[in-house]
Amino acid sequence: MKRVIVFSMVVAVLVMALSGVALAGTSPQDIYNDYADNGKLDGTYTDAQLQAYLDDATVHGYGDESTVDELDALVTSMLTGEDRSEFPFTGMEMALLAVGALALIGAGVVLRKASR
C-alpha cells in the first residue's frame, strides 16, 4: 500500500512540475491580439505557430470577422508551400492511446495483486 501512495505522490509532483512547459508557447490568441492592436504582426512566429493560428476554431469563432479575415490572408501568405488540404497523421495519437491502455491494464494488475 505504501508503494501505491508513494507512486501516486511522485506522479502528482511530476505533473505539477512539468505542466508549465505546455503553457509556455505562443497561443493563437496571442497572434490575434498582436495583429488586432495595430494591424501588423510585431512578433516573430514560427510556421508551426502560424499554422496553429489558422487551425484554431476559437479565434475564428469569437474574433472580429474583418480582423480574422485580414489576418488569415496575411498568415496564409506568410506560410509558403504548405498544403492544408490533408490532416497530417503522425501516429502519435495511437501511441498515446496505447500507452494509456497499458498503464490502465498495469494499474489493474497491481491493484488486484495488492488486494490479495
PDB file of N, CA and C in Angstrom:
ATOM      1  N   MET A   1       0.816  -1.187   0.000  1.00  0.00           N
ATOM      2  CA  MET A   1       0.000   0.000   0.000  1.00  0.00           C
ATOM      3  C   MET A   1       0.869   1.264   0.000  1.00  0.00           C
ATOM      4  N   LYS A   2       2.001   1.196   0.709  1.00  0.00           N
ATOM      5  CA  LYS A   2       2.899   2.347   0.744  1.00  0.00           C
ATOM      6  C   LYS A   2       3.419   2.673  -0.658  1.00  0.00           C
ATOM      7  N   ARG A   3       3.695   1.643  -1.435  1.00  0.00           N
ATOM      8  CA  ARG A   3       4.218   1.848  -2.784  1.00  0.00           C
ATOM      9  C   ARG A   3       3.224   2.609  -3.650  1.00  0.00           C
ATOM     10  N   VAL A   4       1.964   2.257  -3.543  1.00  0.00           N
ATOM     11  CA  VAL A   4       0.932   2.911  -4.345  1.00  0.00           C
ATOM     12  C   VAL A   4       0.825   4.386  -3.961  1.00  0.00           C
ATOM     13  N   ILE A   5       0.878   4.671  -2.663  1.00  0.00           N
ATOM     14  CA  ILE A   5       0.791   6.056  -2.206  1.00  0.00           C
ATOM     15  C   ILE A   5       2.002   6.853  -2.668  1.00  0.00           C
ATOM     16  N   VAL A   6       3.188   6.274  -2.506  1.00  0.00           N
ATOM     17  CA  VAL A   6       4.410   6.955  -2.935  1.00  0.00           C
ATOM     18  C   VAL A   6       4.394   7.172  -4.445  1.00  0.00           C
ATOM     19  N   PHE A   7       3.994   6.156  -5.199  1.00  0.00           N
ATOM     20  CA  PHE A   7       3.921   6.284  -6.655  1.00  0.00           C
ATOM     21  C   PHE A   7       2.942   7.379  -7.053  1.00  0.00           C
ATOM     22  N   SER A   8       1.783   7.432  -6.404  1.00  0.00           N
ATOM     23  CA  SER A   8       0.786   8.466  -6.711  1.00  0.00           C
ATOM     24  C   SER A   8       1.319   9.853  -6.408  1.00  0.00           C
ATOM     25  N   MET A   9       2.048   9.984  -5.309  1.00  0.00           N
ATOM     26  CA  MET A   9       2.600  11.291  -4.955  1.00  0.00           C
ATOM     27  C   MET A   9       3.682  11.721  -5.941  1.00  0.00           C
ATOM     28  N   VAL A  10       4.517  10.783  -6.373  1.00  0.00           N
ATOM     29  CA  VAL A  10       5.565  11.102  -7.354  1.00  0.00           C
ATOM     30  C   VAL A  10       4.936  11.550  -8.666  1.00  0.00           C
ATOM     31  N   VAL A  11       3.901  10.852  -9.109  1.00  0.00           N
ATOM     32  CA  VAL A  11       3.220  11.221 -10.349  1.00  0.00           C
ATOM     33  C   VAL A  11       2.584  12.603 -10.213  1.00  0.00           C
ATOM     34  N   ALA A  12       1.958  12.877  -9.075  1.00  0.00           N
ATOM     35  CA  ALA A  12       1.326  14.184  -8.865  1.00  0.00           C
ATOM     36  C   ALA A  12       2.359  15.309  -8.886  1.00  0.00           C
ATOM     37  N   VAL A  13       3.509  15.085  -8.257  1.00  0.00           N
ATOM     38  CA  VAL A  13       4.561  16.107  -8.246  1.00  0.00           C
ATOM     39  C   VAL A  13       5.096  16.339  -9.654  1.00  0.00           C
ATOM     40  N   LEU A  14       5.316  15.267 -10.417  1.00  0.00           N
ATOM     41  CA  LEU A  14       5.815  15.417 -11.782  1.00  0.00           C
ATOM     42  C   LEU A  14       4.823  16.151 -12.674  1.00  0.00           C
ATOM     43  N   VAL A  15       3.556  15.853 -12.529  1.00  0.00           N
ATOM     44  CA  VAL A  15       2.535  16.533 -13.335  1.00  0.00           C
ATOM     45  C   VAL A  15       2.524  18.023 -13.021  1.00  0.00           C
ATOM     46  N   MET A  16       2.601  18.368 -11.750  1.00  0.00           N
ATOM     47  CA  MET A  16       2.596  19.787 -11.384  1.00  0.00           C
ATOM     48  C   MET A  16       3.873  20.489 -11.830  1.00  0.00           C
ATOM     49  N   ALA A  17       4.997  19.787 -11.767  1.00  0.00           N
ATOM     50  CA  ALA A  17       6.276  20.403 -12.124  1.00  0.00           C
ATOM     51  C   ALA A  17       6.414  20.614 -13.629  1.00  0.00           C
ATOM     52  N   LEU A  18       5.859  19.714 -14.415  1.00  0.00           N
ATOM     53  CA  LEU A  18       6.061  19.770 -15.861  1.00  0.00           C
ATOM     54  C   LEU A  18       4.894  20.377 -16.627  1.00  0.00           C
ATOM     55  N   SER A  19       3.800  20.694 -15.978  1.00  0.00           N
ATOM     56  CA  SER A  19       2.642  21.219 -16.711  1.00  0.00           C
ATOM     57  C   SER A  19       2.868  22.634 -17.221  1.00  0.00           C
ATOM     58  N   GLY A  20       3.732  23.403 -16.620  1.00  0.00           N
ATOM     59  CA  GLY A  20       4.007  24.758 -17.073  1.00  0.00           C
ATOM     60  C   GLY A  20       4.682  24.802 -18.426  1.00  0.00           C
ATOM     61  N   VAL A  21       5.392  23.749 -18.788  1.00  0.00           N
ATOM     62  CA  VAL A  21       6.077  23.696 -20.083  1.00  0.00           C
ATOM     63  C   VAL A  21       5.064  23.739 -21.217  1.00  0.00           C
ATOM     64  N   ALA A  22       3.937  23.103 -21.041  1.00  0.00           N
ATOM     65  CA  ALA A  22       2.919  23.076 -22.088  1.00  0.00           C
ATOM     66  C   ALA A  22       2.291  24.451 -22.309  1.00  0.00           C
ATOM     67  N   LEU A  23       2.330  25.304 -21.303  1.00  0.00           N
ATOM     68  CA  LEU A  23       1.705  26.623 -21.414  1.00  0.00           C
ATOM     69  C   LEU A  23       2.679  27.711 -21.853  1.00  0.00           C
ATOM     70  N   ALA A  24       3.919  27.346 -22.120  1.00  0.00           N
ATOM     71  CA  ALA A  24       4.947  28.346 -22.382  1.00  0.00           C
ATOM     72  C   ALA A  24       4.917  28.895 -23.813  1.00  0.00           C
ATOM     73  N   GLY A  25       4.307  28.224 -24.753  1.00  0.00           N
ATOM     74  CA  GLY A  25       4.344  28.643 -26.144  1.00  0.00           C
ATOM     75  C   GLY A  25       3.381  29.773 -26.458  1.00  0.00           C
ATOM     76  N   THR A  26       3.481  30.285 -27.663  1.00  0.00           N
ATOM     77  CA  THR A  26       2.598  31.332 -28.134  1.00  0.00           C
ATOM     78  C   THR A  26       1.270  30.718 -28.551  1.00  0.00           C
ATOM     79  N   SER A  27       0.191  31.267 -28.052  1.00  0.00           N
ATOM     80  CA  SER A  27      -1.124  30.736 -28.400  1.00  0.00           C
ATOM     81  C   SER A  27      -1.665  31.459 -29.627  1.00  0.00           C
ATOM     82  N   PRO A  28      -2.622  30.851 -30.316  1.00  0.00           N
ATOM     83  CA  PRO A  28      -3.273  31.532 -31.436  1.00  0.00           C
ATOM     84  C   PRO A  28      -3.915  32.856 -31.013  1.00  0.00           C
ATOM     85  N   GLN A  29      -4.393  32.926 -29.778  1.00  0.00           N
ATOM     86  CA  GLN A  29      -4.984  34.171 -29.281  1.00  0.00           C
ATOM     87  C   GLN A  29      -3.930  35.265 -29.198  1.00  0.00           C
ATOM     88  N   ASP A  30      -2.690  34.917 -28.850  1.00  0.00           N
ATOM     89  CA  ASP A  30      -1.605  35.911 -28.805  1.00  0.00           C
ATOM     90  C   ASP A  30      -1.335  36.487 -30.189  1.00  0.00           C
ATOM     91  N   ILE A  31      -1.370  35.638 -31.210  1.00  0.00           N
ATOM     92  CA  ILE A  31      -1.151  36.108 -32.586  1.00  0.00           C
ATOM     93  C   ILE A  31      -2.283  37.043 -32.994  1.00  0.00           C
ATOM     94  N   TYR A  32      -3.517  36.667 -32.665  1.00  0.00           N
ATOM     95  CA  TYR A  32      -4.674  37.515 -32.981  1.00  0.00           C
ATOM     96  C   TYR A  32      -4.556  38.860 -32.267  1.00  0.00           C
ATOM     97  N   ASN A  33      -4.216  38.843 -30.974  1.00  0.00           N
ATOM     98  CA  ASN A  33      -4.091  40.090 -30.209  1.00  0.00           C
ATOM     99  C   ASN A  33      -2.975  40.977 -30.757  1.00  0.00           C
ATOM    100  N   ASP A  34      -1.878  40.367 -31.190  1.00  0.00           N
ATOM    101  CA  ASP A  34      -0.760  41.113 -31.764  1.00  0.00           C
ATOM    102  C   ASP A  34      -1.210  41.858 -33.024  1.00  0.00           C
ATOM    103  N   TYR A  35      -1.971  41.183 -33.863  1.00  0.00           N
ATOM    104  CA  TYR A  35      -2.441  41.813 -35.100  1.00  0.00           C
ATOM    105  C   TYR A  35      -3.548  42.830 -34.816  1.00  0.00           C
ATOM    106  N   ALA A  36      -4.428  42.529 -33.870  1.00  0.00           N
ATOM    107  CA  ALA A  36      -5.587  43.391 -33.610  1.00  0.00           C
ATOM    108  C   ALA A  36      -5.197  44.732 -33.009  1.00  0.00           C
ATOM    109  N   ASP A  37      -4.067  44.813 -32.314  1.00  0.00           N
ATOM    110  CA  ASP A  37      -3.738  46.074 -31.654  1.00  0.00           C
ATOM    111  C   ASP A  37      -3.283  47.165 -32.618  1.00  0.00           C
ATOM    112  N   ASN A  38      -2.627  46.794 -33.746  1.00  0.00           N
ATOM    113  CA  ASN A  38      -2.190  47.851 -34.675  1.00  0.00           C
ATOM    114  C   ASN A  38      -2.216  47.427 -36.150  1.00  0.00           C
ATOM    115  N   GLY A  39      -2.804  46.277 -36.457  1.00  0.00           N
ATOM    116  CA  GLY A  39      -2.908  45.850 -37.854  1.00  0.00           C
ATOM    117  C   GLY A  39      -1.627  45.277 -38.422  1.00  0.00           C
ATOM    118  N   LYS A  40      -0.640  44.964 -37.558  1.00  0.00           N
ATOM    119  CA  LYS A  40       0.616  44.357 -38.005  1.00  0.00           C
ATOM    120  C   LYS A  40       0.985  43.249 -37.036  1.00  0.00           C
ATOM    121  N   LEU A  41       1.745  42.284 -37.548  1.00  0.00           N
ATOM    122  CA  LEU A  41       2.316  41.269 -36.676  1.00  0.00           C
ATOM    123  C   LEU A  41       3.692  41.754 -36.246  1.00  0.00           C
ATOM    124  N   ASP A  42       3.801  42.185 -35.004  1.00  0.00           N
ATOM    125  CA  ASP A  42       5.059  42.719 -34.498  1.00  0.00           C
ATOM    126  C   ASP A  42       5.987  41.620 -33.999  1.00  0.00           C
ATOM    127  N   GLY A  43       5.434  40.502 -33.571  1.00  0.00           N
ATOM    128  CA  GLY A  43       6.240  39.412 -33.023  1.00  0.00           C
ATOM    129  C   GLY A  43       6.829  38.545 -34.110  1.00  0.00           C
ATOM    130  N   THR A  44       7.717  37.664 -33.700  1.00  0.00           N
ATOM    131  CA  THR A  44       8.306  36.679 -34.608  1.00  0.00           C
ATOM    132  C   THR A  44       7.671  35.335 -34.289  1.00  0.00           C
ATOM    133  N   TYR A  45       7.037  34.745 -35.283  1.00  0.00           N
ATOM    134  CA  TYR A  45       6.316  33.496 -35.077  1.00  0.00           C
ATOM    135  C   TYR A  45       6.843  32.432 -36.029  1.00  0.00           C
ATOM    136  N   THR A  46       6.880  31.193 -35.536  1.00  0.00           N
ATOM    137  CA  THR A  46       7.317  30.076 -36.371  1.00  0.00           C
ATOM    138  C   THR A  46       6.164  29.656 -37.279  1.00  0.00           C
ATOM    139  N   ASP A  47       6.505  28.853 -38.289  1.00  0.00           N
ATOM    140  CA  ASP A  47       5.464  28.330 -39.172  1.00  0.00           C
ATOM    141  C   ASP A  47       4.458  27.486 -38.396  1.00  0.00           C
ATOM    142  N   ALA A  48       4.925  26.741 -37.403  1.00  0.00           N
ATOM    143  CA  ALA A  48       4.030  25.902 -36.606  1.00  0.00           C
ATOM    144  C   ALA A  48       3.043  26.757 -35.805  1.00  0.00           C
ATOM    145  N   GLN A  49       3.517  27.876 -35.271  1.00  0.00           N
ATOM    146  CA  GLN A  49       2.621  28.756 -34.519  1.00  0.00           C
ATOM    147  C   GLN A  49       1.600  29.410 -35.436  1.00  0.00           C
ATOM    148  N   LEU A  50       2.026  29.814 -36.625  1.00  0.00           N
ATOM    149  CA  LEU A  50       1.092  30.405 -37.585  1.00  0.00           C
ATOM    150  C   LEU A  50       0.074  29.378 -38.060  1.00  0.00           C
ATOM    151  N   GLN A  51       0.529  28.160 -38.273  1.00  0.00           N
ATOM    152  CA  GLN A  51      -0.379  27.076 -38.677  1.00  0.00           C
ATOM    153  C   GLN A  51      -1.380  26.796 -37.562  1.00  0.00           C
ATOM    154  N   ALA A  52      -0.921  26.835 -36.313  1.00  0.00           N
ATOM    155  CA  ALA A  52      -1.821  26.617 -35.177  1.00  0.00           C
ATOM    156  C   ALA A  52      -2.884  27.713 -35.127  1.00  0.00           C
ATOM    157  N   TYR A  53      -2.498  28.941 -35.466  1.00  0.00           N
ATOM    158  CA  TYR A  53      -3.486  30.021 -35.519  1.00  0.00           C
ATOM    159  C   TYR A  53      -4.552  29.713 -36.576  1.00  0.00           C
ATOM    160  N   LEU A  54      -4.112  29.296 -37.762  1.00  0.00           N
ATOM    161  CA  LEU A  54      -5.073  29.007 -38.831  1.00  0.00           C
ATOM    162  C   LEU A  54      -6.015  27.864 -38.465  1.00  0.00           C
ATOM    163  N   ASP A  55      -5.539  26.918 -37.665  1.00  0.00           N
ATOM    164  CA  ASP A  55      -6.340  25.751 -37.298  1.00  0.00           C
ATOM    165  C   ASP A  55      -7.189  25.968 -36.048  1.00  0.00           C
ATOM    166  N   ASP A  56      -7.052  27.112 -35.387  1.00  0.00           N
ATOM    167  CA  ASP A  56      -7.741  27.356 -34.132  1.00  0.00           C
ATOM    168  C   ASP A  56      -9.180  27.816 -34.379  1.00  0.00           C
ATOM    169  N   ALA A  57     -10.124  27.071 -33.850  1.00  0.00           N
ATOM    170  CA  ALA A  57     -11.538  27.391 -34.052  1.00  0.00           C
ATOM    171  C   ALA A  57     -12.018  28.495 -33.125  1.00  0.00           C
ATOM    172  N   THR A  58     -11.394  28.632 -31.974  1.00  0.00           N
ATOM    173  CA  THR A  58     -11.851  29.624 -31.002  1.00  0.00           C
ATOM    174  C   THR A  58     -11.652  31.038 -31.512  1.00  0.00           C
ATOM    175  N   VAL A  59     -10.453  31.333 -31.998  1.00  0.00           N
ATOM    176  CA  VAL A  59     -10.180  32.676 -32.516  1.00  0.00           C
ATOM    177  C   VAL A  59     -11.069  32.965 -33.713  1.00  0.00           C
ATOM    178  N   HIS A  60     -11.237  31.998 -34.582  1.00  0.00           N
ATOM    179  CA  HIS A  60     -12.061  32.208 -35.772  1.00  0.00           C
ATOM    180  C   HIS A  60     -13.543  32.324 -35.433  1.00  0.00           C
ATOM    181  N   GLY A  61     -13.962  31.708 -34.345  1.00  0.00           N
ATOM    182  CA  GLY A  61     -15.367  31.771 -33.960  1.00  0.00           C
ATOM    183  C   GLY A  61     -15.730  33.019 -33.181  1.00  0.00           C
ATOM    184  N   TYR A  62     -14.798  33.525 -32.364  1.00  0.00           N
ATOM    185  CA  TYR A  62     -15.112  34.640 -31.477  1.00  0.00           C
ATOM    186  C   TYR A  62     -14.404  35.935 -31.827  1.00  0.00           C
ATOM    187  N   GLY A  63     -13.426  35.901 -32.716  1.00  0.00           N
ATOM    188  CA  GLY A  63     -12.720  37.124 -33.089  1.00  0.00           C
ATOM    189  C   GLY A  63     -13.536  37.990 -34.025  1.00  0.00           C
ATOM    190  N   ASP A  64     -13.137  39.255 -34.140  1.00  0.00           N
ATOM    191  CA  ASP A  64     -13.790  40.176 -35.060  1.00  0.00           C
ATOM    192  C   ASP A  64     -13.611  39.651 -36.482  1.00  0.00           C
ATOM    193  N   GLU A  65     -14.717  39.547 -37.226  1.00  0.00           N
ATOM    194  CA  GLU A  65     -14.694  38.891 -38.530  1.00  0.00           C
ATOM    195  C   GLU A  65     -13.749  39.571 -39.525  1.00  0.00           C
ATOM    196  N   SER A  66     -13.754  40.885 -39.577  1.00  0.00           N
ATOM    197  CA  SER A  66     -12.887  41.578 -40.523  1.00  0.00           C
ATOM    198  C   SER A  66     -11.416  41.417 -40.142  1.00  0.00           C
ATOM    199  N   THR A  67     -11.119  41.468 -38.839  1.00  0.00           N
ATOM    200  CA  THR A  67      -9.741  41.280 -38.383  1.00  0.00           C
ATOM    201  C   THR A  67      -9.266  39.870 -38.678  1.00  0.00           C
ATOM    202  N   VAL A  68     -10.129  38.892 -38.415  1.00  0.00           N
ATOM    203  CA  VAL A  68      -9.763  37.493 -38.667  1.00  0.00           C
ATOM    204  C   VAL A  68      -9.522  37.265 -40.153  1.00  0.00           C
ATOM    205  N   ASP A  69     -10.364  37.836 -41.018  1.00  0.00           N
ATOM    206  CA  ASP A  69     -10.186  37.660 -42.465  1.00  0.00           C
ATOM    207  C   ASP A  69      -8.871  38.263 -42.937  1.00  0.00           C
ATOM    208  N   GLU A  70      -8.550  39.455 -42.458  1.00  0.00           N
ATOM    209  CA  GLU A  70      -7.291  40.092 -42.848  1.00  0.00           C
ATOM    210  C   GLU A  70      -6.094  39.306 -42.343  1.00  0.00           C
ATOM    211  N   LEU A  71      -6.167  38.859 -41.090  1.00  0.00           N
ATOM    212  CA  LEU A  71      -5.064  38.103 -40.503  1.00  0.00           C
ATOM    213  C   LEU A  71      -4.904  36.749 -41.175  1.00  0.00           C
ATOM    214  N   ASP A  72      -6.013  36.116 -41.523  1.00  0.00           N
ATOM    215  CA  ASP A  72      -5.934  34.838 -42.247  1.00  0.00           C
ATOM    216  C   ASP A  72      -5.199  35.009 -43.571  1.00  0.00           C
ATOM    217  N   ALA A  73      -5.519  36.066 -44.293  1.00  0.00           N
ATOM    218  CA  ALA A  73      -4.859  36.314 -45.576  1.00  0.00           C
ATOM    219  C   ALA A  73      -3.363  36.567 -45.372  1.00  0.00           C
ATOM    220  N   LEU A  74      -3.020  37.334 -44.350  1.00  0.00           N
ATOM    221  CA  LEU A  74      -1.617  37.618 -44.062  1.00  0.00           C
ATOM    222  C   LEU A  74      -0.860  36.361 -43.668  1.00  0.00           C
ATOM    223  N   VAL A  75      -1.434  35.560 -42.767  1.00  0.00           N
ATOM    224  CA  VAL A  75      -0.769  34.341 -42.305  1.00  0.00           C
ATOM    225  C   VAL A  75      -0.633  33.341 -43.445  1.00  0.00           C
ATOM    226  N   THR A  76      -1.657  33.213 -44.269  1.00  0.00           N
ATOM    227  CA  THR A  76      -1.580  32.291 -45.403  1.00  0.00           C
ATOM    228  C   THR A  76      -0.493  32.713 -46.372  1.00  0.00           C
ATOM    229  N   SER A  77      -0.336  34.011 -46.576  1.00  0.00           N
ATOM    230  CA  SER A  77       0.727  34.474 -47.473  1.00  0.00           C
ATOM    231  C   SER A  77       2.109  34.260 -46.861  1.00  0.00           C
ATOM    232  N   MET A  78       2.194  34.278 -45.521  1.00  0.00           N
ATOM    233  CA  MET A  78       3.482  34.049 -44.859  1.00  0.00           C
ATOM    234  C   MET A  78       3.901  32.580 -44.915  1.00  0.00           C
ATOM    235  N   LEU A  79       2.918  31.696 -44.917  1.00  0.00           N
ATOM    236  CA  LEU A  79       3.215  30.266 -44.986  1.00  0.00           C
ATOM    237  C   LEU A  79       3.335  29.870 -46.457  1.00  0.00           C
ATOM    238  N   THR A  80       4.481  29.454 -46.856  1.00  0.00           N
ATOM    239  CA  THR A  80       4.677  29.104 -48.264  1.00  0.00           C
ATOM    240  C   THR A  80       4.862  27.609 -48.421  1.00  0.00           C
ATOM    241  N   GLY A  81       4.269  27.077 -49.461  1.00  0.00           N
ATOM    242  CA  GLY A  81       4.469  25.677 -49.819  1.00  0.00           C
ATOM    243  C   GLY A  81       3.766  24.671 -48.931  1.00  0.00           C
ATOM    244  N   GLU A  82       2.860  25.102 -48.094  1.00  0.00           N
ATOM    245  CA  GLU A  82       2.155  24.145 -47.246  1.00  0.00           C
ATOM    246  C   GLU A  82       0.774  23.872 -47.819  1.00  0.00           C
ATOM    247  N   ASP A  83       0.463  22.588 -47.942  1.00  0.00           N
ATOM    248  CA  ASP A  83      -0.845  22.175 -48.432  1.00  0.00           C
ATOM    249  C   ASP A  83      -1.707  21.827 -47.230  1.00  0.00           C
ATOM    250  N   ARG A  84      -2.775  22.583 -47.013  1.00  0.00           N
ATOM    251  CA  ARG A  84      -3.632  22.352 -45.863  1.00  0.00           C
ATOM    252  C   ARG A  84      -4.839  21.487 -46.206  1.00  0.00           C
ATOM    253  N   SER A  85      -4.838  20.812 -47.359  1.00  0.00           N
ATOM    254  CA  SER A  85      -5.994  20.012 -47.733  1.00  0.00           C
ATOM    255  C   SER A  85      -6.040  18.683 -46.995  1.00  0.00           C
ATOM    256  N   GLU A  86      -4.948  18.252 -46.394  1.00  0.00           N
ATOM    257  CA  GLU A  86      -4.902  16.985 -45.678  1.00  0.00           C
ATOM    258  C   GLU A  86      -4.488  17.206 -44.243  1.00  0.00           C
ATOM    259  N   PHE A  87      -5.070  16.417 -43.360  1.00  0.00           N
ATOM    260  CA  PHE A  87      -4.658  16.449 -41.962  1.00  0.00           C
ATOM    261  C   PHE A  87      -3.498  15.468 -41.797  1.00  0.00           C
ATOM    262  N   PRO A  88      -2.377  15.931 -41.285  1.00  0.00           N
ATOM    263  CA  PRO A  88      -1.228  15.043 -41.170  1.00  0.00           C
ATOM    264  C   PRO A  88      -1.446  14.007 -40.073  1.00  0.00           C
ATOM    265  N   PHE A  89      -1.188  12.753 -40.402  1.00  0.00           N
ATOM    266  CA  PHE A  89      -1.297  11.674 -39.424  1.00  0.00           C
ATOM    267  C   PHE A  89       0.106  11.221 -39.074  1.00  0.00           C
ATOM    268  N   THR A  90       0.464  11.380 -37.825  1.00  0.00           N
ATOM    269  CA  THR A  90       1.812  11.017 -37.393  1.00  0.00           C
ATOM    270  C   THR A  90       1.839   9.712 -36.629  1.00  0.00           C
ATOM    271  N   GLY A  91       0.703   9.235 -36.186  1.00  0.00           N
ATOM    272  CA  GLY A  91       0.656   8.020 -35.382  1.00  0.00           C
ATOM    273  C   GLY A  91       0.817   8.301 -33.897  1.00  0.00           C
ATOM    274  N   MET A  92       1.110   9.538 -33.544  1.00  0.00           N
ATOM    275  CA  MET A  92       1.318   9.876 -32.132  1.00  0.00           C
ATOM    276  C   MET A  92       0.047   9.665 -31.323  1.00  0.00           C
ATOM    277  N   GLU A  93      -1.107   9.927 -31.898  1.00  0.00           N
ATOM    278  CA  GLU A  93      -2.361   9.735 -31.185  1.00  0.00           C
ATOM    279  C   GLU A  93      -2.546   8.270 -30.803  1.00  0.00           C
ATOM    280  N   MET A  94      -2.246   7.374 -31.734  1.00  0.00           N
ATOM    281  CA  MET A  94      -2.382   5.947 -31.450  1.00  0.00           C
ATOM    282  C   MET A  94      -1.364   5.502 -30.408  1.00  0.00           C
ATOM    283  N   ALA A  95      -0.159   6.051 -30.460  1.00  0.00           N
ATOM    284  CA  ALA A  95       0.864   5.691 -29.480  1.00  0.00           C
ATOM    285  C   ALA A  95       0.437   6.133 -28.081  1.00  0.00           C
ATOM    286  N   LEU A  96      -0.135   7.340 -27.964  1.00  0.00           N
ATOM    287  CA  LEU A  96      -0.600   7.813 -26.662  1.00  0.00           C
ATOM    288  C   LEU A  96      -1.745   6.957 -26.132  1.00  0.00           C
ATOM    289  N   LEU A  97      -2.652   6.550 -27.002  1.00  0.00           N
ATOM    290  CA  LEU A  97      -3.735   5.672 -26.573  1.00  0.00           C
ATOM    291  C   LEU A  97      -3.203   4.322 -26.114  1.00  0.00           C
ATOM    292  N   ALA A  98      -2.212   3.788 -26.812  1.00  0.00           N
ATOM    293  CA  ALA A  98      -1.628   2.509 -26.431  1.00  0.00           C
ATOM    294  C   ALA A  98      -0.936   2.610 -25.078  1.00  0.00           C
ATOM    295  N   VAL A  99      -0.203   3.693 -24.852  1.00  0.00           N
ATOM    296  CA  VAL A  99       0.463   3.887 -23.557  1.00  0.00           C
ATOM    297  C   VAL A  99      -0.577   4.016 -22.445  1.00  0.00           C
ATOM    298  N   GLY A 100      -1.639   4.754 -22.699  1.00  0.00           N
ATOM    299  CA  GLY A 100      -2.701   4.890 -21.700  1.00  0.00           C
ATOM    300  C   GLY A 100      -3.368   3.555 -21.387  1.00  0.00           C
ATOM    301  N   ALA A 101      -3.624   2.764 -22.415  1.00  0.00           N
ATOM    302  CA  ALA A 101      -4.241   1.451 -22.214  1.00  0.00           C
ATOM    303  C   ALA A 101      -3.324   0.546 -21.403  1.00  0.00           C
ATOM    304  N   LEU A 102      -2.046   0.546 -21.729  1.00  0.00           N
ATOM    305  CA  LEU A 102      -1.095  -0.278 -20.973  1.00  0.00           C
ATOM    306  C   LEU A 102      -0.989   0.181 -19.522  1.00  0.00           C
ATOM    307  N   ALA A 103      -1.047   1.480 -19.292  1.00  0.00           N
ATOM    308  CA  ALA A 103      -0.994   1.996 -17.923  1.00  0.00           C
ATOM    309  C   ALA A 103      -2.225   1.557 -17.135  1.00  0.00           C
ATOM    310  N   LEU A 104      -3.391   1.596 -17.755  1.00  0.00           N
ATOM    311  CA  LEU A 104      -4.609   1.160 -17.068  1.00  0.00           C
ATOM    312  C   LEU A 104      -4.580  -0.336 -16.776  1.00  0.00           C
ATOM    313  N   ILE A 105      -4.115  -1.118 -17.729  1.00  0.00           N
ATOM    314  CA  ILE A 105      -4.016  -2.568 -17.518  1.00  0.00           C
ATOM    315  C   ILE A 105      -3.012  -2.863 -16.408  1.00  0.00           C
ATOM    316  N   GLY A 106      -1.872  -2.190 -16.450  1.00  0.00           N
ATOM    317  CA  GLY A 106      -0.865  -2.398 -15.409  1.00  0.00           C
ATOM    318  C   GLY A 106      -1.377  -1.997 -14.035  1.00  0.00           C
ATOM    319  N   ALA A 107      -2.081  -0.893 -13.958  1.00  0.00           N
ATOM    320  CA  ALA A 107      -2.638  -0.454 -12.677  1.00  0.00           C
ATOM    321  C   ALA A 107      -3.660  -1.457 -12.167  1.00  0.00           C
ATOM    322  N   GLY A 108      -4.440  -2.030 -13.058  1.00  0.00           N
ATOM    323  CA  GLY A 108      -5.411  -3.043 -12.655  1.00  0.00           C
ATOM    324  C   GLY A 108      -4.751  -4.295 -12.111  1.00  0.00           C
ATOM    325  N   VAL A 109      -3.683  -4.717 -12.761  1.00  0.00           N
ATOM    326  CA  VAL A 109      -2.948  -5.897 -12.296  1.00  0.00           C
ATOM    327  C   VAL A 109      -2.329  -5.629 -10.936  1.00  0.00           C
ATOM    328  N   VAL A 110      -1.727  -4.459 -10.764  1.00  0.00           N
ATOM    329  CA  VAL A 110      -1.099  -4.106  -9.479  1.00  0.00           C
ATOM    330  C   VAL A 110      -2.147  -4.051  -8.378  1.00  0.00           C
ATOM    331  N   LEU A 111      -3.273  -3.436  -8.628  1.00  0.00           N
ATOM    332  CA  LEU A 111      -4.324  -3.341  -7.616  1.00  0.00           C
ATOM    333  C   LEU A 111      -4.887  -4.718  -7.269  1.00  0.00           C
ATOM    334  N   ARG A 112      -5.032  -5.565  -8.255  1.00  0.00           N
ATOM    335  CA  ARG A 112      -5.555  -6.905  -7.996  1.00  0.00           C
ATOM    336  C   ARG A 112      -4.590  -7.711  -7.122  1.00  0.00           C
ATOM    337  N   LYS A 113      -3.286  -7.629  -7.431  1.00  0.00           N
ATOM    338  CA  LYS A 113      -2.288  -8.347  -6.635  1.00  0.00           C
ATOM    339  C   LYS A 113      -2.170  -7.742  -5.237  1.00  0.00           C
ATOM    340  N   ALA A 114      -2.305  -6.422  -5.128  1.00  0.00           N
ATOM    341  CA  ALA A 114      -2.184  -5.778  -3.826  1.00  0.00           C
ATOM    342  C   ALA A 114      -3.374  -6.079  -2.937  1.00  0.00           C
ATOM    343  N   SER A 115      -4.525  -6.358  -3.519  1.00  0.00           N
ATOM    344  CA  SER A 115      -5.715  -6.615  -2.725  1.00  0.00           C
ATOM    345  C   SER A 115      -5.741  -8.032  -2.152  1.00  0.00           C
ATOM    346  N   ARG A 116      -4.889  -8.911  -2.638  1.00  0.00           N
ATOM    347  CA  ARG A 116      -4.866 -10.297  -2.129  1.00  0.00           C
ATOM    348  C   ARG A 116      -4.098 -10.424  -0.886  1.00  0.00           C
TER     349      ARG A 116
END
